[in-house]
C-alpha atoms as a PDB file:
ATOM      1  CA  GLN A   1    -197.737-106.046 184.308  1.00  0.00           C
ATOM      2  CA  GLY A   2    -198.557-106.969 187.939  1.00  0.00           C
ATOM      3  CA  GLU A   3    -200.395-108.386 190.089  1.00  0.00           C
ATOM      4  CA  PHE A   4    -203.551-110.340 188.636  1.00  0.00           C
ATOM      5  CA  LYS A   5    -206.337-112.047 190.321  1.00  0.00           C
ATOM      6  CA  ASP A   6    -209.688-112.757 188.715  1.00  0.00           C
ATOM      7  CA  ASN A   7    -208.278-111.010 185.478  1.00  0.00           C
ATOM      8  CA  GLU A   8    -208.569-107.758 187.269  1.00  0.00           C
ATOM      9  CA  ILE A   9    -204.898-106.307 188.361  1.00  0.00           C
ATOM     10  CA  ASN A  10    -205.116-106.217 191.594  1.00  0.00           C
ATOM     11  CA  GLY A  11    -202.126-105.276 194.277  1.00  0.00           C
ATOM     12  CA  GLU A  12    -198.490-103.988 192.220  1.00  0.00           C
ATOM     13  CA  GLY A  13    -199.018-103.212 188.729  1.00  0.00           C
ATOM     14  CA  VAL A  14    -197.387-100.926 185.667  1.00  0.00           C
ATOM     15  CA  TYR A  15    -199.915-100.189 182.975  1.00  0.00           C
ATOM     16  CA  ILE A  16    -198.171 -97.798 179.375  1.00  0.00           C
ATOM     17  CA  TRP A  17    -200.836 -96.045 177.950  1.00  0.00           C
ATOM     18  CA  THR A  18    -199.977 -95.557 173.859  1.00  0.00           C
ATOM     19  CA  ASP A  19    -199.772 -92.000 174.300  1.00  0.00           C
ATOM     20  CA  GLY A  20    -197.112 -92.872 176.715  1.00  0.00           C
ATOM     21  CA  ARG A  21    -199.104 -91.840 180.312  1.00  0.00           C
ATOM     22  CA  LYS A  22    -198.273 -94.339 182.652  1.00  0.00           C
ATOM     23  CA  TYR A  23    -199.394 -95.456 186.012  1.00  0.00           C
ATOM     24  CA  GLU A  24    -196.927 -97.636 188.264  1.00  0.00           C
ATOM     25  CA  GLY A  25    -198.401 -98.253 191.727  1.00  0.00           C
ATOM     26  CA  GLN A  26    -201.465 -99.760 193.673  1.00  0.00           C
ATOM     27  CA  TRP A  27    -204.505-101.068 192.215  1.00  0.00           C
ATOM     28  CA  MET A  28    -207.529-102.467 193.208  1.00  0.00           C
ATOM     29  CA  GLN A  29    -209.715-104.408 190.839  1.00  0.00           C
ATOM     30  CA  ASN A  30    -207.732-102.837 187.584  1.00  0.00           C
ATOM     31  CA  ARG A  31    -208.292 -99.273 189.412  1.00  0.00           C
ATOM     32  CA  MET A  32    -205.395 -97.358 190.453  1.00  0.00           C
ATOM     33  CA  HIS A  33    -205.981 -97.548 194.073  1.00  0.00           C
ATOM     34  CA  GLY A  34    -203.816 -96.563 196.902  1.00  0.00           C
ATOM     35  CA  HIS A  35    -200.342 -95.115 196.664  1.00  0.00           C
ATOM     36  CA  GLY A  36    -198.692 -94.555 192.894  1.00  0.00           C
ATOM     37  CA  LEU A  37    -196.616 -92.459 190.250  1.00  0.00           C
ATOM     38  CA  PHE A  38    -198.643 -90.555 187.452  1.00  0.00           C
ATOM     39  CA  SER A  39    -196.939 -90.018 185.184  1.00  0.00           C
ATOM     40  CA  TRP A  40    -197.406 -87.678 181.338  1.00  0.00           C
ATOM     41  CA  SER A  41    -195.461 -87.576 178.767  1.00  0.00           C
ATOM     42  CA  ASP A  42    -195.060 -83.894 178.520  1.00  0.00           C
ATOM     43  CA  GLY A  43    -192.769 -84.102 181.884  1.00  0.00           C
ATOM     44  CA  ARG A  44    -196.046 -83.894 184.406  1.00  0.00           C
ATOM     45  CA  ALA A  45    -196.245 -85.938 186.894  1.00  0.00           C
ATOM     46  CA  TYR A  46    -198.565 -86.785 190.291  1.00  0.00           C
ATOM     47  CA  GLU A  47    -197.410 -88.952 193.502  1.00  0.00           C
ATOM     48  CA  GLY A  48    -199.732 -89.878 195.892  1.00  0.00           C
ATOM     49  CA  GLU A  49    -202.676 -91.487 197.435  1.00  0.00           C
ATOM     50  CA  TYR A  50    -205.110 -92.892 194.770  1.00  0.00           C
ATOM     51  CA  VAL A  51    -208.869 -94.445 195.764  1.00  0.00           C
ATOM     52  CA  VAL A  52    -211.072 -95.480 193.315  1.00  0.00           C
ATOM     53  CA  ASP A  53    -209.014 -93.786 189.946  1.00  0.00           C
ATOM     54  CA  GLN A  54    -208.987 -90.160 191.487  1.00  0.00           C
ATOM     55  CA  LYS A  55    -206.673 -88.220 192.827  1.00  0.00           C
ATOM     56  CA  GLN A  56    -207.221 -88.220 197.090  1.00  0.00           C
ATOM     57  CA  GLY A  57    -205.550 -87.910 200.086  1.00  0.00           C
ATOM     58  CA  HIS A  58    -202.374 -86.355 199.761  1.00  0.00           C
ATOM     59  CA  GLY A  59    -200.170 -85.711 196.977  1.00  0.00           C
ATOM     60  CA  ILE A  60    -197.360 -83.995 195.443  1.00  0.00           C
ATOM     61  CA  PHE A  61    -198.076 -82.899 191.346  1.00  0.00           C
ATOM     62  CA  ARG A  62    -195.245 -81.671 189.191  1.00  0.00           C
ATOM     63  CA  TRP A  63    -194.709 -79.451 186.504  1.00  0.00           C
ATOM     64  CA  PRO A  64    -192.460 -79.812 183.651  1.00  0.00           C
ATOM     65  CA  ASP A  65    -191.465 -75.994 183.886  1.00  0.00           C
ATOM     66  CA  GLY A  66    -190.837 -76.565 188.190  1.00  0.00           C
ATOM     67  CA  ARG A  67    -193.611 -75.732 189.603  1.00  0.00           C
ATOM     68  CA  LEU A  68    -195.054 -78.047 192.140  1.00  0.00           C
ATOM     69  CA  TYR A  69    -198.217 -78.381 194.446  1.00  0.00           C
ATOM     70  CA  ASP A  70    -197.407 -80.641 197.762  1.00  0.00           C
ATOM     71  CA  GLY A  71    -201.266 -80.803 199.143  1.00  0.00           C
ATOM     72  CA  SER A  72    -204.546 -82.058 199.843  1.00  0.00           C
ATOM     73  CA  TRP A  73    -206.606 -83.762 197.146  1.00  0.00           C
ATOM     74  CA  LYS A  74    -210.434 -84.909 197.077  1.00  0.00           C
ATOM     75  CA  GLU A  75    -211.944 -86.561 194.030  1.00  0.00           C
ATOM     76  CA  GLY A  76    -209.460 -85.333 191.842  1.00  0.00           C
ATOM     77  CA  ARG A  77    -208.303 -81.755 192.329  1.00  0.00           C
ATOM     78  CA  GLN A  78    -206.674 -79.416 194.748  1.00  0.00           C
ATOM     79  CA  HIS A  79    -208.447 -79.352 197.792  1.00  0.00           C
ATOM     80  CA  GLY A  80    -207.801 -78.348 201.622  1.00  0.00           C
ATOM     81  CA  PRO A  81    -204.091 -77.114 202.322  1.00  0.00           C
ATOM     82  CA  GLY A  82    -201.536 -77.043 199.948  1.00  0.00           C
ATOM     83  CA  ALA A  83    -197.556 -75.720 199.387  1.00  0.00           C
ATOM     84  CA  TYR A  84    -197.339 -74.121 196.115  1.00  0.00           C
ATOM     85  CA  TRP A  85    -194.036 -74.089 194.399  1.00  0.00           C
ATOM     86  CA  THR A  86    -193.466 -71.686 191.703  1.00  0.00           C
ATOM     87  CA  ALA A  87    -190.800 -72.454 188.792  1.00  0.00           C
ATOM     88  CA  ARG A  88    -188.405 -69.814 190.427  1.00  0.00           C
ATOM     89  CA  GLY A  89    -188.584 -71.731 193.608  1.00  0.00           C
ATOM     90  CA  ASP A  90    -190.838 -69.540 196.029  1.00  0.00           C
ATOM     91  CA  LYS A  91    -193.458 -71.008 198.307  1.00  0.00           C
ATOM     92  CA  ARG A  92    -196.524 -70.166 199.273  1.00  0.00           C
ATOM     93  CA  PHE A  93    -199.392 -71.942 201.395  1.00  0.00           C
ATOM     94  CA  GLY A  94    -202.251 -71.798 200.525  1.00  0.00           C
ATOM     95  CA  GLU A  95    -205.700 -73.362 200.230  1.00  0.00           C
ATOM     96  CA  TRP A  96    -207.528 -74.520 197.094  1.00  0.00           C
ATOM     97  CA  GLU A  97    -211.056 -75.825 196.588  1.00  0.00           C
ATOM     98  CA  ASP A  98    -212.498 -78.043 193.948  1.00  0.00           C
ATOM     99  CA  GLY A  99    -209.070 -77.205 192.123  1.00  0.00           C
ATOM    100  CA  ARG A 100    -208.991 -73.792 192.759  1.00  0.00           C
ATOM    101  CA  ARG A 101    -207.346 -71.474 194.880  1.00  0.00           C
ATOM    102  CA  THR A 102    -209.321 -69.721 197.287  1.00  0.00           C
ATOM    103  CA  ARG A 103    -206.512 -67.696 199.639  1.00  0.00           C
ATOM    104  CA  TRP A 104    -203.478 -67.770 200.369  1.00  0.00           C
ATOM    105  CA  ASN A 105    -202.361 -68.539 204.563  1.00  0.00           C
ATOM    106  CA  ASP A 106    -198.964 -66.188 204.273  1.00  0.00           C
ATOM    107  CA  ASP A 107    -199.082 -62.874 204.138  1.00  0.00           C
ATOM    108  CA  ALA A 108    -195.988 -62.962 201.683  1.00  0.00           C
ATOM    109  CA  LYS A 109    -193.540 -65.035 199.615  1.00  0.00           C
ATOM    110  CA  GLU A 110    -191.205 -66.823 201.154  1.00  0.00           C
ATOM    111  CA  ASP A 111    -187.953 -68.082 199.977  1.00  0.00           C
ATOM    112  CA  SER A 112    -187.593 -71.736 199.513  1.00  0.00           C
END
């Protein structure tokens, strides 16, 4: 459901897949584009920016066990500076490249 133009979702809209995935946010020509919230049936969720169906820019990814990543994304993967919280709530700052952490920027864990 959402705003349609020329038989395509454009503007604000919601799409729910049969497997329980759901996207609620901005669309451009049937693609997730702009700010949105994507959730999975297992409790994972991403809220942030999309460019042509891929996470791009700033976003927050949450795991069901309480872990969280808040940082930069490029072409659907964590890329650049970000903060990571463990399930216990410990916070670390780091750098990511193509979805992999390359280093921690802090010398020791920081309690939240």
